[in-house]
């Protein structure tokens, strides 16, 4: 298999793994509501799905993304936008990994939060902001290596959607689960498209080298 294909396969696989985790967890967790409940509630302390969702779902998802980031950094041009953007993607991945290792308290809305819950919140929030920053920065630096107005404008749009969703993650909202899923979907969609554009860039480089 062409190694360049991993640039597309890995983010698709990560998104699929994450989606299956959510669907399976939602089925096992009695009366779970994807629209009104946080994703983290599936992995919360005391949840029947907790350890399985965290260690077989959320953490592997982030490891797939981390491998994808490592492959991207070896290929993508080393300009300031890409370097900072990739750094923020690493922050996103590692932060959500920590959040999975330290789950929130049951139902994620405790009156007296435990240390694990506090670590979960403190790690997850910067992770989402890091994801937004990565999308904005890499999108701004596209002109030098992937001159696609569509991908650039889509990246900026998805970044804005992500920030809008982030500012509306209100635990008391009946739509907080849906909002968080839109946020996550924005990141995964962008990662898949990023992989596609980096693969195209890499394929073009290899064709030019073969000609020369």
C-alpha atoms as a PDB file:
ATOM      1  CA  UNK A   1       0.000   0.000   0.000  1.00  0.00           C
ATOM      2  CA  UNK A   2       1.190   3.494  -0.840  1.00  0.00           C
ATOM      3  CA  UNK A   3       2.249   5.102   2.438  1.00  0.00           C
ATOM      4  CA  UNK A   4       0.771   8.383   1.267  1.00  0.00           C
ATOM      5  CA  UNK A   5      -2.663   6.782   1.477  1.00  0.00           C
ATOM      6  CA  UNK A   6      -2.279   6.685   5.264  1.00  0.00           C
ATOM      7  CA  UNK A   7      -2.680  10.459   5.228  1.00  0.00           C
ATOM      8  CA  UNK A   8      -6.303   9.919   4.214  1.00  0.00           C
ATOM      9  CA  UNK A   9      -6.941   6.544   5.855  1.00  0.00           C
ATOM     10  CA  UNK A  10      -5.836   7.506   9.380  1.00  0.00           C
ATOM     11  CA  UNK A  11      -8.181  10.475   9.952  1.00  0.00           C
ATOM     12  CA  UNK A  12     -11.087   8.552   8.380  1.00  0.00           C
ATOM     13  CA  UNK A  13     -10.304   5.573  10.596  1.00  0.00           C
ATOM     14  CA  UNK A  14     -10.035   7.806  13.677  1.00  0.00           C
ATOM     15  CA  UNK A  15     -13.390   9.441  12.907  1.00  0.00           C
ATOM     16  CA  UNK A  16     -15.013   6.045  12.312  1.00  0.00           C
ATOM     17  CA  UNK A  17     -13.566   4.618  15.533  1.00  0.00           C
ATOM     18  CA  UNK A  18     -14.858   7.627  17.453  1.00  0.00           C
ATOM     19  CA  UNK A  19     -18.314   7.360  15.846  1.00  0.00           C
ATOM     20  CA  UNK A  20     -18.601   3.650  16.630  1.00  0.00           C
ATOM     21  CA  UNK A  21     -17.564   4.389  20.216  1.00  0.00           C
ATOM     22  CA  UNK A  22     -20.335   6.975  20.565  1.00  0.00           C
ATOM     23  CA  UNK A  23     -22.988   4.765  18.985  1.00  0.00           C
ATOM     24  CA  UNK A  24     -22.020   1.690  21.001  1.00  0.00           C
ATOM     25  CA  UNK A  25     -21.712   3.672  24.229  1.00  0.00           C
ATOM     26  CA  UNK A  26     -25.064   5.330  23.633  1.00  0.00           C
ATOM     27  CA  UNK A  27     -26.704   1.918  23.205  1.00  0.00           C
ATOM     28  CA  UNK A  28     -25.168   0.388  26.340  1.00  0.00           C
ATOM     29  CA  UNK A  29     -25.663   3.475  28.535  1.00  0.00           C
ATOM     30  CA  UNK A  30     -29.337   3.279  29.502  1.00  0.00           C
ATOM     31  CA  UNK A  31     -31.431   6.299  28.485  1.00  0.00           C
ATOM     32  CA  UNK A  32     -28.401   8.164  27.140  1.00  0.00           C
ATOM     33  CA  UNK A  33     -29.367  11.176  25.026  1.00  0.00           C
ATOM     34  CA  UNK A  34     -26.873  12.265  22.364  1.00  0.00           C
ATOM     35  CA  UNK A  35     -28.513  15.690  22.045  1.00  0.00           C
ATOM     36  CA  UNK A  36     -28.514  16.726  25.690  1.00  0.00           C
ATOM     37  CA  UNK A  37     -25.601  14.836  27.279  1.00  0.00           C
ATOM     38  CA  UNK A  38     -21.861  15.429  27.027  1.00  0.00           C
ATOM     39  CA  UNK A  39     -19.763  12.897  25.166  1.00  0.00           C
ATOM     40  CA  UNK A  40     -17.659  12.602  28.310  1.00  0.00           C
ATOM     41  CA  UNK A  41     -20.636  11.230  30.226  1.00  0.00           C
ATOM     42  CA  UNK A  42     -20.113   7.939  28.393  1.00  0.00           C
ATOM     43  CA  UNK A  43     -16.696   7.686  30.028  1.00  0.00           C
ATOM     44  CA  UNK A  44     -17.589   9.257  33.356  1.00  0.00           C
ATOM     45  CA  UNK A  45     -16.680   7.709  36.703  1.00  0.00           C
ATOM     46  CA  UNK A  46     -19.449   5.283  37.626  1.00  0.00           C
ATOM     47  CA  UNK A  47     -20.864   5.018  34.094  1.00  0.00           C
ATOM     48  CA  UNK A  48     -21.346   1.427  32.955  1.00  0.00           C
ATOM     49  CA  UNK A  49     -19.506   2.281  29.736  1.00  0.00           C
ATOM     50  CA  UNK A  50     -16.716   4.271  31.444  1.00  0.00           C
ATOM     51  CA  UNK A  51     -13.498   2.207  31.194  1.00  0.00           C
ATOM     52  CA  UNK A  52     -14.416   0.662  27.841  1.00  0.00           C
ATOM     53  CA  UNK A  53     -15.246   3.984  26.213  1.00  0.00           C
ATOM     54  CA  UNK A  54     -12.162   5.744  27.576  1.00  0.00           C
ATOM     55  CA  UNK A  55      -9.507   3.084  27.003  1.00  0.00           C
ATOM     56  CA  UNK A  56     -10.897   1.293  23.951  1.00  0.00           C
ATOM     57  CA  UNK A  57     -12.581   4.271  22.302  1.00  0.00           C
ATOM     58  CA  UNK A  58     -11.419   7.780  23.145  1.00  0.00           C
ATOM     59  CA  UNK A  59      -7.722   7.109  23.755  1.00  0.00           C
ATOM     60  CA  UNK A  60      -7.202   4.965  20.606  1.00  0.00           C
ATOM     61  CA  UNK A  61      -8.968   7.662  18.576  1.00  0.00           C
ATOM     62  CA  UNK A  62      -6.471  10.251  19.762  1.00  0.00           C
ATOM     63  CA  UNK A  63      -3.542   7.895  19.137  1.00  0.00           C
ATOM     64  CA  UNK A  64      -4.655   7.464  15.508  1.00  0.00           C
ATOM     65  CA  UNK A  65      -4.800  11.245  15.170  1.00  0.00           C
ATOM     66  CA  UNK A  66      -1.369  11.607  16.785  1.00  0.00           C
ATOM     67  CA  UNK A  67       0.165   9.157  14.287  1.00  0.00           C
ATOM     68  CA  UNK A  68      -1.514  11.144  11.520  1.00  0.00           C
ATOM     69  CA  UNK A  69       0.018  14.373  12.865  1.00  0.00           C
ATOM     70  CA  UNK A  70       3.490  12.805  12.956  1.00  0.00           C
ATOM     71  CA  UNK A  71       3.156  11.748   9.299  1.00  0.00           C
ATOM     72  CA  UNK A  72       1.911  15.208   8.336  1.00  0.00           C
ATOM     73  CA  UNK A  73       4.789  17.018  10.017  1.00  0.00           C
ATOM     74  CA  UNK A  74       7.281  14.993   7.968  1.00  0.00           C
ATOM     75  CA  UNK A  75       5.714  16.180   4.707  1.00  0.00           C
ATOM     76  CA  UNK A  76       3.995  19.529   5.176  1.00  0.00           C
ATOM     77  CA  UNK A  77       6.168  22.605   4.432  1.00  0.00           C
ATOM     78  CA  UNK A  78       7.862  24.034   7.528  1.00  0.00           C
ATOM     79  CA  UNK A  79       6.446  27.548   7.572  1.00  0.00           C
ATOM     80  CA  UNK A  80       5.393  29.371  10.748  1.00  0.00           C
ATOM     81  CA  UNK A  81       1.688  28.706  10.216  1.00  0.00           C
ATOM     82  CA  UNK A  82       2.158  24.967   9.780  1.00  0.00           C
ATOM     83  CA  UNK A  83       4.590  24.588  12.662  1.00  0.00           C
ATOM     84  CA  UNK A  84       2.299  26.419  15.074  1.00  0.00           C
ATOM     85  CA  UNK A  85      -0.777  24.713  13.651  1.00  0.00           C
ATOM     86  CA  UNK A  86       0.675  21.233  14.056  1.00  0.00           C
ATOM     87  CA  UNK A  87       1.780  22.115  17.576  1.00  0.00           C
ATOM     88  CA  UNK A  88      -1.786  23.066  18.454  1.00  0.00           C
ATOM     89  CA  UNK A  89      -3.029  19.808  16.913  1.00  0.00           C
ATOM     90  CA  UNK A  90      -0.681  17.935  19.241  1.00  0.00           C
ATOM     91  CA  UNK A  91      -2.100  19.966  22.140  1.00  0.00           C
ATOM     92  CA  UNK A  92      -5.625  18.996  21.046  1.00  0.00           C
ATOM     93  CA  UNK A  93      -4.741  15.307  20.882  1.00  0.00           C
ATOM     94  CA  UNK A  94      -2.775  15.099  24.132  1.00  0.00           C
ATOM     95  CA  UNK A  95      -5.311  17.199  26.040  1.00  0.00           C
ATOM     96  CA  UNK A  96      -8.202  14.931  25.091  1.00  0.00           C
ATOM     97  CA  UNK A  97      -6.078  11.898  25.940  1.00  0.00           C
ATOM     98  CA  UNK A  98      -5.517  13.288  29.436  1.00  0.00           C
ATOM     99  CA  UNK A  99      -9.248  14.005  29.676  1.00  0.00           C
ATOM    100  CA  UNK A 100      -9.935  10.328  28.942  1.00  0.00           C
ATOM    101  CA  UNK A 101      -7.431   9.136  31.556  1.00  0.00           C
ATOM    102  CA  UNK A 102      -9.057  11.433  34.134  1.00  0.00           C
ATOM    103  CA  UNK A 103     -12.815  11.071  33.542  1.00  0.00           C
ATOM    104  CA  UNK A 104     -15.422  13.511  34.745  1.00  0.00           C
ATOM    105  CA  UNK A 105     -17.665  12.612  37.670  1.00  0.00           C
ATOM    106  CA  UNK A 106     -20.879  10.726  36.976  1.00  0.00           C
ATOM    107  CA  UNK A 107     -23.084  12.747  34.587  1.00  0.00           C
ATOM    108  CA  UNK A 108     -20.317  15.412  34.428  1.00  0.00           C
ATOM    109  CA  UNK A 109     -22.250  17.967  36.492  1.00  0.00           C
ATOM    110  CA  UNK A 110     -21.127  17.396  40.090  1.00  0.00           C
ATOM    111  CA  UNK A 111     -21.933  19.736  42.950  1.00  0.00           C
ATOM    112  CA  UNK A 112     -18.588  18.878  44.555  1.00  0.00           C
ATOM    113  CA  UNK A 113     -16.169  17.876  41.782  1.00  0.00           C
ATOM    114  CA  UNK A 114     -13.365  15.416  42.443  1.00  0.00           C
ATOM    115  CA  UNK A 115      -9.744  15.947  41.409  1.00  0.00           C
ATOM    116  CA  UNK A 116     -10.277  13.682  38.390  1.00  0.00           C
ATOM    117  CA  UNK A 117     -13.214  15.801  37.259  1.00  0.00           C
ATOM    118  CA  UNK A 118     -11.239  19.041  37.603  1.00  0.00           C
ATOM    119  CA  UNK A 119      -8.311  17.606  35.628  1.00  0.00           C
ATOM    120  CA  UNK A 120     -10.768  16.435  32.977  1.00  0.00           C
ATOM    121  CA  UNK A 121     -12.230  19.918  32.537  1.00  0.00           C
ATOM    122  CA  UNK A 122      -8.893  21.745  32.699  1.00  0.00           C
ATOM    123  CA  UNK A 123      -7.382  19.470  30.039  1.00  0.00           C
ATOM    124  CA  UNK A 124     -10.347  19.212  27.648  1.00  0.00           C
ATOM    125  CA  UNK A 125     -11.104  22.926  27.300  1.00  0.00           C
ATOM    126  CA  UNK A 126      -7.624  23.987  26.092  1.00  0.00           C
ATOM    127  CA  UNK A 127      -7.664  20.980  23.780  1.00  0.00           C
ATOM    128  CA  UNK A 128     -10.698  22.255  21.906  1.00  0.00           C
ATOM    129  CA  UNK A 129      -9.201  25.743  21.712  1.00  0.00           C
ATOM    130  CA  UNK A 130      -6.004  24.183  20.386  1.00  0.00           C
ATOM    131  CA  UNK A 131      -8.005  22.429  17.684  1.00  0.00           C
ATOM    132  CA  UNK A 132      -9.580  25.724  16.629  1.00  0.00           C
ATOM    133  CA  UNK A 133      -6.213  27.489  16.607  1.00  0.00           C
ATOM    134  CA  UNK A 134      -4.694  24.699  14.485  1.00  0.00           C
ATOM    135  CA  UNK A 135      -7.454  24.958  11.888  1.00  0.00           C
ATOM    136  CA  UNK A 136      -7.128  28.738  11.622  1.00  0.00           C
ATOM    137  CA  UNK A 137      -3.321  28.755  11.436  1.00  0.00           C
ATOM    138  CA  UNK A 138      -2.885  25.962   8.887  1.00  0.00           C
ATOM    139  CA  UNK A 139      -5.707  27.400   6.767  1.00  0.00           C
ATOM    140  CA  UNK A 140      -3.968  30.790   6.711  1.00  0.00           C
ATOM    141  CA  UNK A 141      -0.725  29.185   5.497  1.00  0.00           C
ATOM    142  CA  UNK A 142      -2.242  27.113   2.698  1.00  0.00           C
ATOM    143  CA  UNK A 143      -1.399  29.513  -0.136  1.00  0.00           C
ATOM    144  CA  UNK A 144       2.265  28.453  -0.189  1.00  0.00           C
ATOM    145  CA  UNK A 145       1.673  24.727  -0.717  1.00  0.00           C
ATOM    146  CA  UNK A 146      -2.018  23.946  -1.289  1.00  0.00           C
ATOM    147  CA  UNK A 147      -3.592  26.918  -3.092  1.00  0.00           C
ATOM    148  CA  UNK A 148      -7.182  25.806  -2.620  1.00  0.00           C
ATOM    149  CA  UNK A 149      -9.562  28.653  -1.890  1.00  0.00           C
ATOM    150  CA  UNK A 150     -12.282  26.137  -1.066  1.00  0.00           C
ATOM    151  CA  UNK A 151     -10.207  24.350   1.598  1.00  0.00           C
ATOM    152  CA  UNK A 152      -8.903  27.626   2.997  1.00  0.00           C
ATOM    153  CA  UNK A 153     -12.370  29.162   3.288  1.00  0.00           C
ATOM    154  CA  UNK A 154     -13.813  25.919   4.629  1.00  0.00           C
ATOM    155  CA  UNK A 155     -11.083  25.761   7.262  1.00  0.00           C
ATOM    156  CA  UNK A 156     -11.769  29.295   8.429  1.00  0.00           C
ATOM    157  CA  UNK A 157     -15.510  28.572   8.454  1.00  0.00           C
ATOM    158  CA  UNK A 158     -15.091  25.337  10.423  1.00  0.00           C
ATOM    159  CA  UNK A 159     -12.777  27.132  12.848  1.00  0.00           C
ATOM    160  CA  UNK A 160     -15.454  29.732  13.470  1.00  0.00           C
ATOM    161  CA  UNK A 161     -18.090  27.014  13.904  1.00  0.00           C
ATOM    162  CA  UNK A 162     -15.798  25.287  16.383  1.00  0.00           C
ATOM    163  CA  UNK A 163     -15.326  28.456  18.423  1.00  0.00           C
ATOM    164  CA  UNK A 164     -19.062  29.176  18.344  1.00  0.00           C
ATOM    165  CA  UNK A 165     -19.800  25.670  19.596  1.00  0.00           C
ATOM    166  CA  UNK A 166     -17.106  25.954  22.266  1.00  0.00           C
ATOM    167  CA  UNK A 167     -18.620  29.151  23.682  1.00  0.00           C
ATOM    168  CA  UNK A 168     -22.025  27.442  23.844  1.00  0.00           C
ATOM    169  CA  UNK A 169     -20.985  24.319  25.767  1.00  0.00           C
ATOM    170  CA  UNK A 170     -23.418  25.142  28.556  1.00  0.00           C
ATOM    171  CA  UNK A 171     -24.022  22.154  30.889  1.00  0.00           C
ATOM    172  CA  UNK A 172     -27.569  23.385  31.446  1.00  0.00           C
ATOM    173  CA  UNK A 173     -28.447  23.461  27.743  1.00  0.00           C
ATOM    174  CA  UNK A 174     -30.681  20.689  26.414  1.00  0.00           C
ATOM    175  CA  UNK A 175     -28.630  20.813  23.196  1.00  0.00           C
ATOM    176  CA  UNK A 176     -25.141  20.663  24.725  1.00  0.00           C
ATOM    177  CA  UNK A 177     -24.584  17.120  23.417  1.00  0.00           C
ATOM    178  CA  UNK A 178     -25.514  18.096  19.874  1.00  0.00           C
ATOM    179  CA  UNK A 179     -23.328  21.208  20.063  1.00  0.00           C
ATOM    180  CA  UNK A 180     -20.338  19.160  21.222  1.00  0.00           C
ATOM    181  CA  UNK A 181     -20.870  16.665  18.421  1.00  0.00           C
ATOM    182  CA  UNK A 182     -20.944  19.456  15.835  1.00  0.00           C
ATOM    183  CA  UNK A 183     -17.679  20.690  17.337  1.00  0.00           C
ATOM    184  CA  UNK A 184     -16.059  17.261  17.084  1.00  0.00           C
ATOM    185  CA  UNK A 185     -17.435  16.711  13.573  1.00  0.00           C
ATOM    186  CA  UNK A 186     -15.903  20.026  12.443  1.00  0.00           C
ATOM    187  CA  UNK A 187     -12.484  18.869  13.598  1.00  0.00           C
ATOM    188  CA  UNK A 188     -12.723  15.412  12.015  1.00  0.00           C
ATOM    189  CA  UNK A 189     -14.014  16.760   8.688  1.00  0.00           C
ATOM    190  CA  UNK A 190     -11.127  19.202   8.544  1.00  0.00           C
ATOM    191  CA  UNK A 191      -8.549  16.538   9.483  1.00  0.00           C
ATOM    192  CA  UNK A 192      -9.771  14.278   6.689  1.00  0.00           C
ATOM    193  CA  UNK A 193      -9.565  17.105   4.145  1.00  0.00           C
ATOM    194  CA  UNK A 194      -6.141  18.126   5.482  1.00  0.00           C
ATOM    195  CA  UNK A 195      -4.924  14.576   4.935  1.00  0.00           C
ATOM    196  CA  UNK A 196      -6.285  14.595   1.388  1.00  0.00           C
ATOM    197  CA  UNK A 197      -4.509  17.865   0.526  1.00  0.00           C
ATOM    198  CA  UNK A 198      -1.202  16.799   2.087  1.00  0.00           C
ATOM    199  CA  UNK A 199      -1.395  13.505   0.166  1.00  0.00           C
ATOM    200  CA  UNK A 200      -1.936  15.434  -3.075  1.00  0.00           C
ATOM    201  CA  UNK A 201       1.003  17.706  -2.229  1.00  0.00           C
ATOM    202  CA  UNK A 202       3.212  14.682  -1.485  1.00  0.00           C
ATOM    203  CA  UNK A 203       2.134  12.837  -4.646  1.00  0.00           C
ATOM    204  CA  UNK A 204       2.938  15.907  -6.750  1.00  0.00           C
ATOM    205  CA  UNK A 205       6.392  16.210  -5.175  1.00  0.00           C
ATOM    206  CA  UNK A 206       7.152  12.568  -5.926  1.00  0.00           C
ATOM    207  CA  UNK A 207       5.968  12.944  -9.537  1.00  0.00           C
ATOM    208  CA  UNK A 208       8.191  15.986 -10.027  1.00  0.00           C
ATOM    209  CA  UNK A 209      11.173  14.145  -8.542  1.00  0.00           C
ATOM    210  CA  UNK A 210      10.538  11.206 -10.857  1.00  0.00           C
ATOM    211  CA  UNK A 211      10.447  13.500 -13.907  1.00  0.00           C
ATOM    212  CA  UNK A 212      13.646  15.274 -12.891  1.00  0.00           C
END
